[in-house]
Amino acid sequence: MKNLVLIKEIYLEAFKDLGTKAVKNYFRAFSIFCLATYFMVLYAFAFRVSTGFAFD
């Protein structure tokens, strides 16, 4: 649980004095997009492993 709090603090600190509201929103959306695609890749890998895909 402590790690999640530290990650949250790092995330909030990164966006604190970034600049205009448009830049903040852009980078916030981009970070959410990157996190979503990362989890999509993890899901696809787990799906391939669970169905017995041969990694040749």
PDB file of N, CA and C in Angstrom:
ATOM      1  N   MET A   1       0.820  -1.194   0.000  1.00  0.00           N
ATOM      2  CA  MET A   1       0.000   0.000   0.000  1.00  0.00           C
ATOM      3  C   MET A   1       0.861   1.253   0.000  1.00  0.00           C
ATOM      4  N   LYS A   2       1.991   1.183   0.678  1.00  0.00           N
ATOM      5  CA  LYS A   2       2.872   2.335   0.750  1.00  0.00           C
ATOM      6  C   LYS A   2       3.419   2.682  -0.630  1.00  0.00           C
ATOM      7  N   ASN A   3       3.678   1.656  -1.454  1.00  0.00           N
ATOM      8  CA  ASN A   3       4.180   1.904  -2.813  1.00  0.00           C
ATOM      9  C   ASN A   3       3.161   2.659  -3.653  1.00  0.00           C
ATOM     10  N   LEU A   4       1.879   2.313  -3.505  1.00  0.00           N
ATOM     11  CA  LEU A   4       0.847   3.017  -4.266  1.00  0.00           C
ATOM     12  C   LEU A   4       0.756   4.481  -3.859  1.00  0.00           C
ATOM     13  N   VAL A   5       0.904   4.746  -2.588  1.00  0.00           N
ATOM     14  CA  VAL A   5       0.870   6.134  -2.115  1.00  0.00           C
ATOM     15  C   VAL A   5       2.071   6.899  -2.668  1.00  0.00           C
ATOM     16  N   LEU A   6       3.235   6.271  -2.676  1.00  0.00           N
ATOM     17  CA  LEU A   6       4.424   6.933  -3.226  1.00  0.00           C
ATOM     18  C   LEU A   6       4.275   7.203  -4.718  1.00  0.00           C
ATOM     19  N   ILE A   7       3.717   6.255  -5.456  1.00  0.00           N
ATOM     20  CA  ILE A   7       3.497   6.458  -6.897  1.00  0.00           C
ATOM     21  C   ILE A   7       2.516   7.599  -7.117  1.00  0.00           C
ATOM     22  N   LYS A   8       1.458   7.645  -6.301  1.00  0.00           N
ATOM     23  CA  LYS A   8       0.481   8.730  -6.412  1.00  0.00           C
ATOM     24  C   LYS A   8       1.139  10.080  -6.134  1.00  0.00           C
ATOM     25  N   GLU A   9       1.985  10.162  -5.116  1.00  0.00           N
ATOM     26  CA  GLU A   9       2.667  11.409  -4.795  1.00  0.00           C
ATOM     27  C   GLU A   9       3.609  11.836  -5.918  1.00  0.00           C
ATOM     28  N   ILE A  10       4.329  10.891  -6.499  1.00  0.00           N
ATOM     29  CA  ILE A  10       5.215  11.210  -7.622  1.00  0.00           C
ATOM     30  C   ILE A  10       4.408  11.731  -8.797  1.00  0.00           C
ATOM     31  N   TYR A  11       3.275  11.093  -9.082  1.00  0.00           N
ATOM     32  CA  TYR A  11       2.401  11.505 -10.180  1.00  0.00           C
ATOM     33  C   TYR A  11       1.882  12.924  -9.962  1.00  0.00           C
ATOM     34  N   LEU A  12       1.394  13.199  -8.751  1.00  0.00           N
ATOM     35  CA  LEU A  12       0.857  14.529  -8.467  1.00  0.00           C
ATOM     36  C   LEU A  12       1.952  15.592  -8.480  1.00  0.00           C
ATOM     37  N   GLU A  13       3.125  15.255  -7.982  1.00  0.00           N
ATOM     38  CA  GLU A  13       4.249  16.198  -7.969  1.00  0.00           C
ATOM     39  C   GLU A  13       4.716  16.532  -9.385  1.00  0.00           C
ATOM     40  N   ALA A  14       4.629  15.562 -10.275  1.00  0.00           N
ATOM     41  CA  ALA A  14       5.074  15.782 -11.652  1.00  0.00           C
ATOM     42  C   ALA A  14       4.198  16.801 -12.369  1.00  0.00           C
ATOM     43  N   PHE A  15       2.908  16.847 -12.034  1.00  0.00           N
ATOM     44  CA  PHE A  15       1.989  17.746 -12.720  1.00  0.00           C
ATOM     45  C   PHE A  15       1.732  19.049 -11.964  1.00  0.00           C
ATOM     46  N   LYS A  16       2.387  19.246 -10.827  1.00  0.00           N
ATOM     47  CA  LYS A  16       2.080  20.411  -9.989  1.00  0.00           C
ATOM     48  C   LYS A  16       2.414  21.735 -10.694  1.00  0.00           C
ATOM     49  N   ASP A  17       3.632  21.944 -11.120  1.00  0.00           N
ATOM     50  CA  ASP A  17       4.053  23.209 -11.735  1.00  0.00           C
ATOM     51  C   ASP A  17       4.456  23.010 -13.191  1.00  0.00           C
ATOM     52  N   LEU A  18       3.623  22.328 -13.940  1.00  0.00           N
ATOM     53  CA  LEU A  18       3.977  21.963 -15.313  1.00  0.00           C
ATOM     54  C   LEU A  18       3.777  23.106 -16.296  1.00  0.00           C
ATOM     55  N   GLY A  19       2.728  23.869 -16.166  1.00  0.00           N
ATOM     56  CA  GLY A  19       2.487  24.964 -17.098  1.00  0.00           C
ATOM     57  C   GLY A  19       1.005  25.239 -17.229  1.00  0.00           C
ATOM     58  N   THR A  20       0.587  25.524 -18.450  1.00  0.00           N
ATOM     59  CA  THR A  20      -0.817  25.872 -18.687  1.00  0.00           C
ATOM     60  C   THR A  20      -1.720  24.664 -18.484  1.00  0.00           C
ATOM     61  N   LYS A  21      -2.987  24.943 -18.377  1.00  0.00           N
ATOM     62  CA  LYS A  21      -3.972  23.885 -18.148  1.00  0.00           C
ATOM     63  C   LYS A  21      -4.034  22.933 -19.347  1.00  0.00           C
ATOM     64  N   ALA A  22      -3.873  23.454 -20.556  1.00  0.00           N
ATOM     65  CA  ALA A  22      -3.912  22.605 -21.746  1.00  0.00           C
ATOM     66  C   ALA A  22      -2.747  21.615 -21.756  1.00  0.00           C
ATOM     67  N   VAL A  23      -1.571  22.076 -21.357  1.00  0.00           N
ATOM     68  CA  VAL A  23      -0.401  21.196 -21.309  1.00  0.00           C
ATOM     69  C   VAL A  23      -0.585  20.139 -20.232  1.00  0.00           C
ATOM     70  N   LYS A  24      -1.125  20.532 -19.086  1.00  0.00           N
ATOM     71  CA  LYS A  24      -1.379  19.574 -18.007  1.00  0.00           C
ATOM     72  C   LYS A  24      -2.355  18.503 -18.461  1.00  0.00           C
ATOM     73  N   ASN A  25      -3.437  18.926 -19.100  1.00  0.00           N
ATOM     74  CA  ASN A  25      -4.440  17.963 -19.551  1.00  0.00           C
ATOM     75  C   ASN A  25      -3.882  17.040 -20.624  1.00  0.00           C
ATOM     76  N   TYR A  26      -3.050  17.583 -21.525  1.00  0.00           N
ATOM     77  CA  TYR A  26      -2.454  16.761 -22.573  1.00  0.00           C
ATOM     78  C   TYR A  26      -1.563  15.679 -21.969  1.00  0.00           C
ATOM     79  N   PHE A  27      -0.673  16.063 -21.069  1.00  0.00           N
ATOM     80  CA  PHE A  27       0.231  15.079 -20.483  1.00  0.00           C
ATOM     81  C   PHE A  27      -0.502  14.100 -19.571  1.00  0.00           C
ATOM     82  N   ARG A  28      -1.529  14.552 -18.898  1.00  0.00           N
ATOM     83  CA  ARG A  28      -2.327  13.653 -18.063  1.00  0.00           C
ATOM     84  C   ARG A  28      -3.029  12.618 -18.941  1.00  0.00           C
ATOM     85  N   ALA A  29      -3.627  13.048 -20.046  1.00  0.00           N
ATOM     86  CA  ALA A  29      -4.294  12.124 -20.962  1.00  0.00           C
ATOM     87  C   ALA A  29      -3.284  11.165 -21.588  1.00  0.00           C
ATOM     88  N   PHE A  30      -2.106  11.677 -21.937  1.00  0.00           N
ATOM     89  CA  PHE A  30      -1.080  10.841 -22.534  1.00  0.00           C
ATOM     90  C   PHE A  30      -0.581   9.787 -21.548  1.00  0.00           C
ATOM     91  N   SER A  31      -0.435  10.148 -20.291  1.00  0.00           N
ATOM     92  CA  SER A  31       0.018   9.177 -19.290  1.00  0.00           C
ATOM     93  C   SER A  31      -1.045   8.108 -19.054  1.00  0.00           C
ATOM     94  N   ILE A  32      -2.313   8.487 -19.051  1.00  0.00           N
ATOM     95  CA  ILE A  32      -3.389   7.501 -18.912  1.00  0.00           C
ATOM     96  C   ILE A  32      -3.424   6.583 -20.122  1.00  0.00           C
ATOM     97  N   PHE A  33      -3.234   7.138 -21.326  1.00  0.00           N
ATOM     98  CA  PHE A  33      -3.191   6.327 -22.547  1.00  0.00           C
ATOM     99  C   PHE A  33      -2.039   5.324 -22.494  1.00  0.00           C
ATOM    100  N   CYS A  34      -0.870   5.767 -22.061  1.00  0.00           N
ATOM    101  CA  CYS A  34       0.284   4.869 -21.974  1.00  0.00           C
ATOM    102  C   CYS A  34       0.038   3.759 -20.955  1.00  0.00           C
ATOM    103  N   LEU A  35      -0.553   4.099 -19.839  1.00  0.00           N
ATOM    104  CA  LEU A  35      -0.857   3.094 -18.826  1.00  0.00           C
ATOM    105  C   LEU A  35      -1.883   2.088 -19.354  1.00  0.00           C
ATOM    106  N   ALA A  36      -2.885   2.568 -20.068  1.00  0.00           N
ATOM    107  CA  ALA A  36      -3.908   1.675 -20.628  1.00  0.00           C
ATOM    108  C   ALA A  36      -3.300   0.740 -21.673  1.00  0.00           C
ATOM    109  N   THR A  37      -2.429   1.244 -22.530  1.00  0.00           N
ATOM    110  CA  THR A  37      -1.811   0.376 -23.532  1.00  0.00           C
ATOM    111  C   THR A  37      -0.862  -0.621 -22.885  1.00  0.00           C
ATOM    112  N   TYR A  38      -0.209  -0.238 -21.806  1.00  0.00           N
ATOM    113  CA  TYR A  38       0.661  -1.164 -21.086  1.00  0.00           C
ATOM    114  C   TYR A  38      -0.146  -2.332 -20.535  1.00  0.00           C
ATOM    115  N   PHE A  39      -1.297  -2.032 -19.920  1.00  0.00           N
ATOM    116  CA  PHE A  39      -2.143  -3.101 -19.397  1.00  0.00           C
ATOM    117  C   PHE A  39      -2.742  -3.944 -20.522  1.00  0.00           C
ATOM    118  N   MET A  40      -2.973  -3.343 -21.677  1.00  0.00           N
ATOM    119  CA  MET A  40      -3.470  -4.098 -22.818  1.00  0.00           C
ATOM    120  C   MET A  40      -2.419  -5.102 -23.293  1.00  0.00           C
ATOM    121  N   VAL A  41      -1.172  -4.700 -23.299  1.00  0.00           N
ATOM    122  CA  VAL A  41      -0.081  -5.600 -23.682  1.00  0.00           C
ATOM    123  C   VAL A  41       0.062  -6.735 -22.666  1.00  0.00           C
ATOM    124  N   LEU A  42      -0.034  -6.412 -21.392  1.00  0.00           N
ATOM    125  CA  LEU A  42       0.021  -7.460 -20.360  1.00  0.00           C
ATOM    126  C   LEU A  42      -1.130  -8.439 -20.513  1.00  0.00           C
ATOM    127  N   TYR A  43      -2.332  -7.940 -20.813  1.00  0.00           N
ATOM    128  CA  TYR A  43      -3.482  -8.815 -21.020  1.00  0.00           C
ATOM    129  C   TYR A  43      -3.265  -9.712 -22.232  1.00  0.00           C
ATOM    130  N   ALA A  44      -2.784  -9.148 -23.334  1.00  0.00           N
ATOM    131  CA  ALA A  44      -2.556  -9.941 -24.539  1.00  0.00           C
ATOM    132  C   ALA A  44      -1.506 -11.017 -24.300  1.00  0.00           C
ATOM    133  N   PHE A  45      -0.463 -10.691 -23.577  1.00  0.00           N
ATOM    134  CA  PHE A  45       0.572 -11.677 -23.271  1.00  0.00           C
ATOM    135  C   PHE A  45       0.010 -12.788 -22.388  1.00  0.00           C
ATOM    136  N   ALA A  46      -0.748 -12.425 -21.366  1.00  0.00           N
ATOM    137  CA  ALA A  46      -1.342 -13.437 -20.478  1.00  0.00           C
ATOM    138  C   ALA A  46      -2.325 -14.315 -21.244  1.00  0.00           C
ATOM    139  N   PHE A  47      -3.067 -13.732 -22.163  1.00  0.00           N
ATOM    140  CA  PHE A  47      -4.010 -14.504 -22.968  1.00  0.00           C
ATOM    141  C   PHE A  47      -3.269 -15.508 -23.845  1.00  0.00           C
ATOM    142  N   ARG A  48      -2.176 -15.067 -24.481  1.00  0.00           N
ATOM    143  CA  ARG A  48      -1.399 -15.963 -25.331  1.00  0.00           C
ATOM    144  C   ARG A  48      -0.762 -17.078 -24.534  1.00  0.00           C
ATOM    145  N   VAL A  49      -0.272 -16.782 -23.369  1.00  0.00           N
ATOM    146  CA  VAL A  49       0.342 -17.795 -22.523  1.00  0.00           C
ATOM    147  C   VAL A  49      -0.711 -18.799 -22.045  1.00  0.00           C
ATOM    148  N   SER A  50      -1.893 -18.311 -21.679  1.00  0.00           N
ATOM    149  CA  SER A  50      -2.933 -19.203 -21.151  1.00  0.00           C
ATOM    150  C   SER A  50      -3.551 -20.085 -22.231  1.00  0.00           C
ATOM    151  N   THR A  51      -3.499 -19.671 -23.505  1.00  0.00           N
ATOM    152  CA  THR A  51      -4.067 -20.498 -24.576  1.00  0.00           C
ATOM    153  C   THR A  51      -3.041 -21.408 -25.220  1.00  0.00           C
ATOM    154  N   GLY A  52      -1.799 -21.367 -24.748  1.00  0.00           N
ATOM    155  CA  GLY A  52      -0.787 -22.284 -25.247  1.00  0.00           C
ATOM    156  C   GLY A  52      -0.137 -21.856 -26.553  1.00  0.00           C
ATOM    157  N   PHE A  53      -0.029 -20.559 -26.784  1.00  0.00           N
ATOM    158  CA  PHE A  53       0.614 -20.058 -27.994  1.00  0.00           C
ATOM    159  C   PHE A  53       2.097 -20.411 -27.967  1.00  0.00           C
ATOM    160  N   ALA A  54       2.589 -20.918 -29.098  1.00  0.00           N
ATOM    161  CA  ALA A  54       4.002 -21.297 -29.174  1.00  0.00           C
ATOM    162  C   ALA A  54       4.833 -20.078 -29.569  1.00  0.00           C
ATOM    163  N   PHE A  55       5.713 -19.649 -28.688  1.00  0.00           N
ATOM    164  CA  PHE A  55       6.593 -18.519 -28.963  1.00  0.00           C
ATOM    165  C   PHE A  55       7.866 -19.052 -29.594  1.00  0.00           C
ATOM    166  N   ASP A  56       7.876 -19.176 -30.915  1.00  0.00           N
ATOM    167  CA  ASP A  56       9.058 -19.711 -31.622  1.00  0.00           C
ATOM    168  C   ASP A  56      10.007 -18.639 -32.037  1.00  0.00           C
TER     169      ASP A  56
END
